[in-house]
Amino acid sequence: MGKGYDSILRIPLFAVSQGHNYGLQLADLVTTVIALNFQGQKEFRPLWGIVKKMFYTTDVGGNRQTSLKVMREKPREPWCA
C-alpha cells in the first residue's frame, strides 16, 4: 500500500469544519462504506448495497473505467431501516 506515492504526509490534513461542506462529508461517508466492505465488515453490507448501485462502468479510450454516478434525485430506498 502506498507504493504509488512519492511520499506520505506525517500529519493529517483537515478541511474547514463548517456546516456547508456537504460534498466532503458525503465523500467521507462513501469511502468509509467502501473501505469497511473490503475489510470484511459484514454489518455494513446493507450500506454497501446502496453504494454499489451508484457505480457505473464505461469505456474511455479503449479502457474500462468505473466511477460513481452523480446523484440528482433522492434515493428511493431508506438509508436506515
N, C-alpha and C. Protein backbone atom coordinates (compact mmCIF):
# COMPACT_ATOMS: atom_id res chain seq x y z
N MET A 1 0.83 -1.17 0.00
CA MET A 1 0.00 0.00 0.00
C MET A 1 0.89 1.24 0.00
N GLY A 2 0.51 2.24 -0.76
CA GLY A 2 1.27 3.48 -0.80
C GLY A 2 2.47 3.45 -1.72
N LYS A 3 2.64 2.37 -2.49
CA LYS A 3 3.81 2.27 -3.36
C LYS A 3 3.76 3.25 -4.52
N GLY A 4 2.57 3.74 -4.86
CA GLY A 4 2.44 4.69 -5.96
C GLY A 4 2.68 6.13 -5.55
N TYR A 5 2.96 6.36 -4.28
CA TYR A 5 3.18 7.71 -3.78
C TYR A 5 4.66 8.01 -3.64
N ASP A 6 5.03 9.26 -3.92
CA ASP A 6 6.42 9.67 -3.72
C ASP A 6 6.74 9.82 -2.25
N SER A 7 5.77 10.29 -1.47
CA SER A 7 5.96 10.47 -0.03
C SER A 7 4.61 10.40 0.66
N ILE A 8 4.63 10.16 1.94
CA ILE A 8 3.42 10.10 2.74
C ILE A 8 3.52 11.18 3.80
N LEU A 9 2.48 11.98 3.92
CA LEU A 9 2.47 13.04 4.92
C LEU A 9 2.41 12.45 6.33
N ARG A 10 3.15 12.99 7.23
CA ARG A 10 3.16 12.50 8.60
C ARG A 10 2.10 13.18 9.46
N ILE A 11 1.42 14.17 8.92
CA ILE A 11 0.34 14.84 9.65
C ILE A 11 -0.94 14.75 8.84
N PRO A 12 -2.09 14.66 9.48
CA PRO A 12 -3.35 14.60 8.72
C PRO A 12 -3.72 15.97 8.17
N LEU A 13 -4.47 15.96 7.09
CA LEU A 13 -5.00 17.20 6.52
C LEU A 13 -6.48 17.28 6.87
N PHE A 14 -6.92 18.44 7.32
CA PHE A 14 -8.31 18.62 7.68
C PHE A 14 -8.91 19.76 6.87
N ALA A 15 -10.18 19.62 6.53
CA ALA A 15 -10.90 20.68 5.82
C ALA A 15 -11.54 21.61 6.85
N VAL A 16 -11.99 22.74 6.38
CA VAL A 16 -12.69 23.68 7.25
C VAL A 16 -13.94 23.00 7.77
N SER A 17 -14.13 23.00 9.06
CA SER A 17 -15.26 22.32 9.68
C SER A 17 -16.43 23.28 9.82
N GLN A 18 -17.18 23.45 8.74
CA GLN A 18 -18.36 24.29 8.75
C GLN A 18 -19.54 23.49 8.22
N GLY A 19 -20.71 24.02 8.41
CA GLY A 19 -21.92 23.30 8.03
C GLY A 19 -22.18 23.21 6.54
N HIS A 20 -21.40 23.84 5.69
CA HIS A 20 -21.70 23.84 4.26
C HIS A 20 -20.70 23.03 3.43
N ASN A 21 -19.98 22.12 4.03
CA ASN A 21 -19.04 21.28 3.27
C ASN A 21 -19.63 19.88 3.07
N TYR A 22 -20.86 19.83 2.52
CA TYR A 22 -21.58 18.58 2.36
C TYR A 22 -20.87 17.61 1.43
N GLY A 23 -20.23 18.11 0.38
CA GLY A 23 -19.54 17.22 -0.55
C GLY A 23 -18.44 16.44 0.12
N LEU A 24 -17.68 17.09 0.98
CA LEU A 24 -16.61 16.42 1.70
C LEU A 24 -17.17 15.38 2.66
N GLN A 25 -18.25 15.71 3.36
CA GLN A 25 -18.86 14.76 4.28
C GLN A 25 -19.41 13.56 3.54
N LEU A 26 -20.03 13.77 2.39
CA LEU A 26 -20.55 12.66 1.60
C LEU A 26 -19.41 11.78 1.09
N ALA A 27 -18.33 12.39 0.64
CA ALA A 27 -17.17 11.62 0.17
C ALA A 27 -16.60 10.78 1.31
N ASP A 28 -16.53 11.33 2.51
CA ASP A 28 -16.04 10.58 3.66
C ASP A 28 -16.95 9.38 3.95
N LEU A 29 -18.25 9.60 3.89
CA LEU A 29 -19.20 8.53 4.16
C LEU A 29 -19.07 7.40 3.14
N VAL A 30 -19.03 7.76 1.87
CA VAL A 30 -18.97 6.75 0.80
C VAL A 30 -17.66 5.98 0.86
N THR A 31 -16.54 6.66 1.03
CA THR A 31 -15.26 5.95 1.07
C THR A 31 -15.14 5.08 2.32
N THR A 32 -15.75 5.49 3.42
CA THR A 32 -15.74 4.66 4.63
C THR A 32 -16.52 3.38 4.40
N VAL A 33 -17.69 3.48 3.78
CA VAL A 33 -18.50 2.29 3.50
C VAL A 33 -17.75 1.35 2.56
N ILE A 34 -17.11 1.89 1.53
CA ILE A 34 -16.35 1.05 0.60
C ILE A 34 -15.21 0.35 1.32
N ALA A 35 -14.46 1.09 2.14
CA ALA A 35 -13.32 0.51 2.86
C ALA A 35 -13.78 -0.58 3.82
N LEU A 36 -14.85 -0.33 4.57
CA LEU A 36 -15.33 -1.33 5.53
C LEU A 36 -15.82 -2.59 4.82
N ASN A 37 -16.42 -2.44 3.64
CA ASN A 37 -16.84 -3.61 2.88
C ASN A 37 -15.64 -4.46 2.49
N PHE A 38 -14.59 -3.84 1.98
CA PHE A 38 -13.43 -4.60 1.53
C PHE A 38 -12.59 -5.11 2.70
N GLN A 39 -12.84 -4.60 3.90
CA GLN A 39 -12.19 -5.14 5.09
C GLN A 39 -12.99 -6.31 5.67
N GLY A 40 -14.15 -6.59 5.08
CA GLY A 40 -14.94 -7.73 5.51
C GLY A 40 -15.91 -7.44 6.65
N GLN A 41 -16.24 -6.19 6.90
CA GLN A 41 -17.16 -5.83 7.97
C GLN A 41 -18.60 -6.10 7.50
N LYS A 42 -19.13 -7.26 7.86
CA LYS A 42 -20.43 -7.70 7.34
C LYS A 42 -21.60 -6.84 7.81
N GLU A 43 -21.48 -6.17 8.95
CA GLU A 43 -22.60 -5.35 9.42
C GLU A 43 -22.84 -4.13 8.54
N PHE A 44 -21.91 -3.80 7.66
CA PHE A 44 -22.07 -2.66 6.77
C PHE A 44 -22.54 -3.08 5.37
N ARG A 45 -22.84 -4.36 5.18
CA ARG A 45 -23.29 -4.84 3.87
C ARG A 45 -24.53 -4.13 3.35
N PRO A 46 -25.55 -3.80 4.21
CA PRO A 46 -26.71 -3.07 3.67
C PRO A 46 -26.32 -1.71 3.07
N LEU A 47 -25.41 -0.99 3.72
CA LEU A 47 -24.95 0.28 3.16
C LEU A 47 -24.13 0.06 1.91
N TRP A 48 -23.33 -1.00 1.87
CA TRP A 48 -22.54 -1.31 0.69
C TRP A 48 -23.46 -1.57 -0.51
N GLY A 49 -24.59 -2.24 -0.27
CA GLY A 49 -25.54 -2.49 -1.34
C GLY A 49 -26.05 -1.20 -1.97
N ILE A 50 -26.29 -0.18 -1.14
CA ILE A 50 -26.75 1.11 -1.64
C ILE A 50 -25.64 1.81 -2.42
N VAL A 51 -24.42 1.81 -1.87
CA VAL A 51 -23.30 2.47 -2.54
C VAL A 51 -22.96 1.76 -3.85
N LYS A 52 -23.01 0.44 -3.85
CA LYS A 52 -22.66 -0.34 -5.05
C LYS A 52 -23.57 0.01 -6.23
N LYS A 53 -24.83 0.34 -5.94
CA LYS A 53 -25.76 0.71 -7.02
C LYS A 53 -25.40 2.05 -7.65
N MET A 54 -24.55 2.83 -6.99
CA MET A 54 -24.15 4.13 -7.53
C MET A 54 -23.01 4.02 -8.55
N PHE A 55 -22.37 2.86 -8.65
CA PHE A 55 -21.25 2.68 -9.58
C PHE A 55 -21.74 2.49 -11.01
N TYR A 56 -20.99 2.98 -11.94
CA TYR A 56 -21.22 2.66 -13.34
C TYR A 56 -19.87 2.47 -14.01
N THR A 57 -19.85 1.69 -15.08
CA THR A 57 -18.63 1.39 -15.81
C THR A 57 -18.82 1.80 -17.26
N THR A 58 -17.80 2.42 -17.83
CA THR A 58 -17.84 2.86 -19.22
C THR A 58 -16.46 2.69 -19.84
N ASP A 59 -16.41 2.71 -21.15
CA ASP A 59 -15.14 2.64 -21.86
C ASP A 59 -14.64 4.05 -22.13
N VAL A 60 -13.39 4.30 -21.80
CA VAL A 60 -12.76 5.59 -22.05
C VAL A 60 -11.45 5.32 -22.77
N GLY A 61 -11.38 5.69 -24.03
CA GLY A 61 -10.17 5.47 -24.82
C GLY A 61 -9.76 4.01 -24.90
N GLY A 62 -10.74 3.11 -24.93
CA GLY A 62 -10.45 1.69 -25.01
C GLY A 62 -10.19 1.03 -23.66
N ASN A 63 -10.24 1.78 -22.60
CA ASN A 63 -10.06 1.23 -21.25
C ASN A 63 -11.36 1.33 -20.47
N ARG A 64 -11.64 0.30 -19.68
CA ARG A 64 -12.84 0.33 -18.84
C ARG A 64 -12.57 1.16 -17.60
N GLN A 65 -13.50 2.07 -17.30
CA GLN A 65 -13.36 2.95 -16.15
C GLN A 65 -14.63 2.85 -15.30
N THR A 66 -14.46 2.66 -14.00
CA THR A 66 -15.58 2.60 -13.08
C THR A 66 -15.57 3.85 -12.22
N SER A 67 -16.74 4.44 -12.05
CA SER A 67 -16.86 5.67 -11.28
C SER A 67 -18.18 5.67 -10.54
N LEU A 68 -18.45 6.73 -9.79
CA LEU A 68 -19.72 6.88 -9.09
C LEU A 68 -20.63 7.80 -9.88
N LYS A 69 -21.91 7.48 -9.89
CA LYS A 69 -22.90 8.32 -10.55
C LYS A 69 -23.11 9.59 -9.73
N VAL A 70 -23.49 10.64 -10.39
CA VAL A 70 -23.88 11.87 -9.71
C VAL A 70 -25.34 11.70 -9.29
N MET A 71 -25.60 11.92 -8.01
CA MET A 71 -26.97 11.76 -7.51
C MET A 71 -27.73 13.07 -7.68
N ARG A 72 -28.75 13.05 -8.50
CA ARG A 72 -29.56 14.24 -8.73
C ARG A 72 -30.94 14.11 -8.10
N GLU A 73 -31.30 12.92 -7.65
CA GLU A 73 -32.60 12.68 -7.05
C GLU A 73 -32.41 12.08 -5.67
N LYS A 74 -33.46 12.12 -4.86
CA LYS A 74 -33.41 11.46 -3.57
C LYS A 74 -33.38 9.94 -3.80
N PRO A 75 -32.66 9.19 -2.96
CA PRO A 75 -32.68 7.73 -3.09
C PRO A 75 -34.08 7.20 -2.84
N ARG A 76 -34.43 6.15 -3.52
CA ARG A 76 -35.76 5.55 -3.34
C ARG A 76 -35.80 4.63 -2.13
N GLU A 77 -34.65 4.12 -1.74
CA GLU A 77 -34.58 3.22 -0.58
C GLU A 77 -34.27 4.04 0.66
N PRO A 78 -34.84 3.65 1.78
CA PRO A 78 -34.46 4.37 3.01
C PRO A 78 -33.04 4.04 3.42
N TRP A 79 -32.32 5.02 3.94
CA TRP A 79 -30.95 4.80 4.37
C TRP A 79 -30.90 3.97 5.65
N CYS A 80 -31.91 4.11 6.47
CA CYS A 80 -31.97 3.35 7.72
C CYS A 80 -33.29 2.59 7.76
N ALA A 81 -33.19 1.33 8.09
CA ALA A 81 -34.41 0.51 8.16
C ALA A 81 -34.88 0.39 9.59
